[in-house]
C-alpha atoms as a PDB file:
ATOM      1  CA  UNK A   1       5.473  -4.311-104.312  1.00  0.00           C
ATOM      2  CA  UNK A   2       5.966  -2.560-101.045  1.00  0.00           C
ATOM      3  CA  UNK A   3       4.495  -4.272 -97.984  1.00  0.00           C
ATOM      4  CA  UNK A   4       4.445  -2.581 -94.611  1.00  0.00           C
ATOM      5  CA  UNK A   5       3.819  -4.991 -91.740  1.00  0.00           C
ATOM      6  CA  UNK A   6       4.864  -2.724 -88.915  1.00  0.00           C
ATOM      7  CA  UNK A   7       2.662  -2.222 -85.873  1.00  0.00           C
ATOM      8  CA  UNK A   8       3.754   1.336 -85.289  1.00  0.00           C
ATOM      9  CA  UNK A   9       0.944   3.616 -84.264  1.00  0.00           C
ATOM     10  CA  UNK A  10       0.132   6.555 -82.109  1.00  0.00           C
ATOM     11  CA  UNK A  11      -1.909   5.753 -79.004  1.00  0.00           C
ATOM     12  CA  UNK A  12      -4.865   7.993 -78.351  1.00  0.00           C
ATOM     13  CA  UNK A  13      -5.967   8.674 -74.770  1.00  0.00           C
ATOM     14  CA  UNK A  14      -9.247  10.189 -73.721  1.00  0.00           C
ATOM     15  CA  UNK A  15      -9.900  11.668 -70.327  1.00  0.00           C
ATOM     16  CA  UNK A  16     -12.936  13.353 -68.910  1.00  0.00           C
ATOM     17  CA  UNK A  17     -13.202  16.149 -66.419  1.00  0.00           C
ATOM     18  CA  UNK A  18     -15.951  16.805 -63.914  1.00  0.00           C
ATOM     19  CA  UNK A  19     -17.398  20.214 -62.970  1.00  0.00           C
ATOM     20  CA  UNK A  20     -14.418  20.928 -60.694  1.00  0.00           C
ATOM     21  CA  UNK A  21     -11.975  20.294 -63.554  1.00  0.00           C
ATOM     22  CA  UNK A  22     -10.844  17.047 -61.889  1.00  0.00           C
ATOM     23  CA  UNK A  23      -9.701  14.099 -63.958  1.00  0.00           C
ATOM     24  CA  UNK A  24     -12.332  11.360 -63.543  1.00  0.00           C
ATOM     25  CA  UNK A  25     -10.485   8.556 -65.302  1.00  0.00           C
ATOM     26  CA  UNK A  26      -9.858   5.663 -62.951  1.00  0.00           C
ATOM     27  CA  UNK A  27      -6.358   4.284 -63.425  1.00  0.00           C
ATOM     28  CA  UNK A  28      -6.090   1.656 -60.717  1.00  0.00           C
ATOM     29  CA  UNK A  29      -8.414  -0.581 -58.771  1.00  0.00           C
ATOM     30  CA  UNK A  30      -9.157   0.354 -55.190  1.00  0.00           C
ATOM     31  CA  UNK A  31      -8.945  -2.578 -52.814  1.00  0.00           C
ATOM     32  CA  UNK A  32     -10.413  -2.688 -49.308  1.00  0.00           C
ATOM     33  CA  UNK A  33     -10.510  -5.223 -46.493  1.00  0.00           C
ATOM     34  CA  UNK A  34     -14.043  -5.812 -45.197  1.00  0.00           C
ATOM     35  CA  UNK A  35     -14.767  -6.363 -41.504  1.00  0.00           C
ATOM     36  CA  UNK A  36     -18.024  -7.044 -39.678  1.00  0.00           C
ATOM     37  CA  UNK A  37     -17.798  -6.048 -36.030  1.00  0.00           C
ATOM     38  CA  UNK A  38     -14.016  -6.364 -36.102  1.00  0.00           C
ATOM     39  CA  UNK A  39     -13.859  -9.790 -37.792  1.00  0.00           C
ATOM     40  CA  UNK A  40     -12.236 -10.009 -41.225  1.00  0.00           C
ATOM     41  CA  UNK A  41     -14.624 -11.194 -43.950  1.00  0.00           C
ATOM     42  CA  UNK A  42     -12.780 -10.674 -47.226  1.00  0.00           C
ATOM     43  CA  UNK A  43     -11.511  -8.207 -49.766  1.00  0.00           C
ATOM     44  CA  UNK A  44     -13.615  -5.814 -51.849  1.00  0.00           C
ATOM     45  CA  UNK A  45     -12.090  -4.541 -55.088  1.00  0.00           C
ATOM     46  CA  UNK A  46     -13.670  -1.589 -56.830  1.00  0.00           C
ATOM     47  CA  UNK A  47     -13.243  -2.163 -60.545  1.00  0.00           C
ATOM     48  CA  UNK A  48     -15.542   0.433 -62.080  1.00  0.00           C
ATOM     49  CA  UNK A  49     -15.307   4.158 -61.692  1.00  0.00           C
ATOM     50  CA  UNK A  50     -18.830   4.425 -60.263  1.00  0.00           C
ATOM     51  CA  UNK A  51     -18.289   1.821 -57.510  1.00  0.00           C
ATOM     52  CA  UNK A  52     -17.593   2.832 -53.934  1.00  0.00           C
ATOM     53  CA  UNK A  53     -17.543   1.323 -50.459  1.00  0.00           C
ATOM     54  CA  UNK A  54     -21.280   1.985 -49.991  1.00  0.00           C
ATOM     55  CA  UNK A  55     -21.937  -0.920 -52.379  1.00  0.00           C
ATOM     56  CA  UNK A  56     -21.326  -3.273 -49.439  1.00  0.00           C
ATOM     57  CA  UNK A  57     -24.113  -1.632 -47.419  1.00  0.00           C
ATOM     58  CA  UNK A  58     -26.416  -1.554 -50.444  1.00  0.00           C
ATOM     59  CA  UNK A  59     -25.885  -5.290 -50.928  1.00  0.00           C
ATOM     60  CA  UNK A  60     -26.711  -6.016 -47.287  1.00  0.00           C
ATOM     61  CA  UNK A  61     -29.882  -3.949 -47.504  1.00  0.00           C
ATOM     62  CA  UNK A  62     -30.951  -5.898 -50.600  1.00  0.00           C
ATOM     63  CA  UNK A  63     -30.418  -9.055 -48.526  1.00  0.00           C
ATOM     64  CA  UNK A  64     -32.962  -7.802 -45.986  1.00  0.00           C
ATOM     65  CA  UNK A  65     -30.722  -6.271 -43.326  1.00  0.00           C
ATOM     66  CA  UNK A  66     -32.073  -3.034 -41.896  1.00  0.00           C
ATOM     67  CA  UNK A  67     -30.247  -0.038 -40.461  1.00  0.00           C
ATOM     68  CA  UNK A  68     -26.973  -1.114 -42.082  1.00  0.00           C
ATOM     69  CA  UNK A  69     -24.108   1.078 -40.923  1.00  0.00           C
ATOM     70  CA  UNK A  70     -20.935   1.065 -43.037  1.00  0.00           C
ATOM     71  CA  UNK A  71     -17.864   3.219 -42.535  1.00  0.00           C
ATOM     72  CA  UNK A  72     -14.556   3.612 -44.327  1.00  0.00           C
ATOM     73  CA  UNK A  73     -11.390   3.776 -42.254  1.00  0.00           C
ATOM     74  CA  UNK A  74      -8.307   3.914 -44.484  1.00  0.00           C
ATOM     75  CA  UNK A  75      -8.376   0.727 -46.534  1.00  0.00           C
ATOM     76  CA  UNK A  76     -10.911  -0.971 -44.241  1.00  0.00           C
ATOM     77  CA  UNK A  77     -14.653  -1.149 -44.803  1.00  0.00           C
ATOM     78  CA  UNK A  78     -16.230  -1.644 -41.397  1.00  0.00           C
ATOM     79  CA  UNK A  79     -19.793  -2.927 -41.093  1.00  0.00           C
ATOM     80  CA  UNK A  80     -21.638  -2.544 -37.796  1.00  0.00           C
ATOM     81  CA  UNK A  81     -24.399  -4.902 -36.686  1.00  0.00           C
ATOM     82  CA  UNK A  82     -27.044  -4.548 -33.983  1.00  0.00           C
ATOM     83  CA  UNK A  83     -26.224  -7.878 -32.333  1.00  0.00           C
ATOM     84  CA  UNK A  84     -24.053 -10.990 -32.607  1.00  0.00           C
ATOM     85  CA  UNK A  85     -26.606 -13.031 -34.531  1.00  0.00           C
ATOM     86  CA  UNK A  86     -27.017 -10.318 -37.145  1.00  0.00           C
ATOM     87  CA  UNK A  87     -23.232  -9.923 -37.413  1.00  0.00           C
ATOM     88  CA  UNK A  88     -22.892 -13.647 -38.099  1.00  0.00           C
ATOM     89  CA  UNK A  89     -25.550 -13.542 -40.829  1.00  0.00           C
ATOM     90  CA  UNK A  90     -23.921 -10.456 -42.358  1.00  0.00           C
ATOM     91  CA  UNK A  91     -20.527 -12.189 -42.432  1.00  0.00           C
ATOM     92  CA  UNK A  92     -22.040 -15.200 -44.196  1.00  0.00           C
ATOM     93  CA  UNK A  93     -23.786 -13.040 -46.805  1.00  0.00           C
ATOM     94  CA  UNK A  94     -20.683 -10.918 -47.397  1.00  0.00           C
ATOM     95  CA  UNK A  95     -18.412 -13.956 -47.760  1.00  0.00           C
ATOM     96  CA  UNK A  96     -20.533 -15.129 -50.678  1.00  0.00           C
ATOM     97  CA  UNK A  97     -20.798 -11.620 -52.153  1.00  0.00           C
ATOM     98  CA  UNK A  98     -17.054 -10.971 -51.985  1.00  0.00           C
ATOM     99  CA  UNK A  99     -16.146 -14.339 -53.486  1.00  0.00           C
ATOM    100  CA  UNK A 100     -18.558 -13.848 -56.387  1.00  0.00           C
ATOM    101  CA  UNK A 101     -17.251 -10.349 -57.181  1.00  0.00           C
END
Protein backbone atom coordinates (compact mmCIF):
# COMPACT_ATOMS: atom_id res chain seq x y z
CA UNK A 1 0.00 0.00 0.00
CA UNK A 2 1.11 3.49 -0.74
CA UNK A 3 0.22 6.12 1.86
CA UNK A 4 0.81 9.80 1.23
CA UNK A 5 0.71 11.89 4.40
CA UNK A 6 2.28 15.02 3.01
CA UNK A 7 0.69 18.42 3.52
CA UNK A 8 1.90 19.83 0.24
CA UNK A 9 -0.66 21.97 -1.50
CA UNK A 10 -1.03 25.00 -3.64
CA UNK A 11 -2.46 28.05 -1.87
CA UNK A 12 -5.23 29.86 -3.68
CA UNK A 13 -5.64 33.62 -3.23
CA UNK A 14 -8.66 35.64 -4.22
CA UNK A 15 -8.65 39.38 -4.61
CA UNK A 16 -11.36 41.75 -5.66
CA UNK A 17 -11.14 44.96 -7.59
CA UNK A 18 -13.37 48.00 -7.36
CA UNK A 19 -14.58 50.16 -10.27
CA UNK A 20 -11.23 51.96 -10.43
CA UNK A 21 -9.36 48.65 -10.77
CA UNK A 22 -7.97 49.05 -7.24
CA UNK A 23 -7.25 46.03 -5.08
CA UNK A 24 -9.78 46.09 -2.22
CA UNK A 25 -8.32 43.28 -0.14
CA UNK A 26 -7.29 44.51 3.28
CA UNK A 27 -3.95 43.03 4.29
CA UNK A 28 -3.20 44.75 7.58
CA UNK A 29 -5.14 46.33 10.39
CA UNK A 30 -5.19 50.10 10.58
CA UNK A 31 -4.57 51.42 14.07
CA UNK A 32 -5.36 54.94 15.26
CA UNK A 33 -4.95 56.85 18.51
CA UNK A 34 -8.18 58.53 19.62
CA UNK A 35 -8.21 61.96 21.26
CA UNK A 36 -11.08 64.06 22.60
CA UNK A 37 -10.17 67.74 22.70
CA UNK A 38 -6.47 66.89 22.80
CA UNK A 39 -6.66 64.27 25.57
CA UNK A 40 -5.70 60.69 24.70
CA UNK A 41 -8.56 58.21 25.15
CA UNK A 42 -7.36 54.96 23.61
CA UNK A 43 -6.57 53.08 20.45
CA UNK A 44 -9.00 52.21 17.66
CA UNK A 45 -8.10 49.27 15.43
CA UNK A 46 -9.95 48.80 12.17
CA UNK A 47 -10.23 45.07 11.62
CA UNK A 48 -12.75 44.81 8.80
CA UNK A 49 -12.42 46.23 5.34
CA UNK A 50 -15.61 48.28 5.67
CA UNK A 51 -14.59 50.00 8.94
CA UNK A 52 -13.23 53.53 8.98
CA UNK A 53 -12.55 56.33 11.44
CA UNK A 54 -16.13 57.64 11.12
CA UNK A 55 -17.24 54.66 13.23
CA UNK A 56 -16.11 56.61 16.30
CA UNK A 57 -18.46 59.49 15.46
CA UNK A 58 -21.28 57.09 14.61
CA UNK A 59 -20.88 55.44 18.01
CA UNK A 60 -21.02 58.79 19.81
CA UNK A 61 -24.16 59.77 17.92
CA UNK A 62 -25.80 56.48 18.93
CA UNK A 63 -24.92 57.40 22.53
CA UNK A 64 -26.93 60.61 22.19
CA UNK A 65 -24.23 63.15 21.40
CA UNK A 66 -25.26 65.70 18.79
CA UNK A 67 -23.18 67.60 16.26
CA UNK A 68 -20.27 65.17 16.66
CA UNK A 69 -17.22 66.39 14.77
CA UNK A 70 -14.50 63.83 14.01
CA UNK A 71 -11.37 64.39 11.95
CA UNK A 72 -8.45 62.22 10.90
CA UNK A 73 -4.95 63.65 11.19
CA UNK A 74 -2.34 61.04 10.26
CA UNK A 75 -2.81 58.19 12.71
CA UNK A 76 -4.89 60.29 15.13
CA UNK A 77 -8.67 60.39 15.31
CA UNK A 78 -9.59 63.72 16.85
CA UNK A 79 -13.05 64.27 18.34
CA UNK A 80 -14.24 67.81 19.02
CA UNK A 81 -16.77 68.65 21.73
CA UNK A 82 -18.86 71.77 22.31
CA UNK A 83 -17.77 72.18 25.93
CA UNK A 84 -15.72 70.61 28.72
CA UNK A 85 -18.60 68.66 30.23
CA UNK A 86 -19.47 67.09 26.89
CA UNK A 87 -15.80 66.27 26.26
CA UNK A 88 -15.62 64.47 29.60
CA UNK A 89 -18.74 62.41 28.83
CA UNK A 90 -17.40 61.60 25.36
CA UNK A 91 -14.09 60.41 26.83
CA UNK A 92 -15.93 58.13 29.26
CA UNK A 93 -18.11 56.64 26.52
CA UNK A 94 -15.16 56.15 24.17
CA UNK A 95 -13.02 54.50 26.86
CA UNK A 96 -15.65 51.80 27.23
CA UNK A 97 -16.16 51.50 23.46
CA UNK A 98 -12.45 51.18 22.71
CA UNK A 99 -11.86 48.61 25.45
CA UNK A 100 -14.77 46.47 24.25
CA UNK A 101 -13.60 46.52 20.61
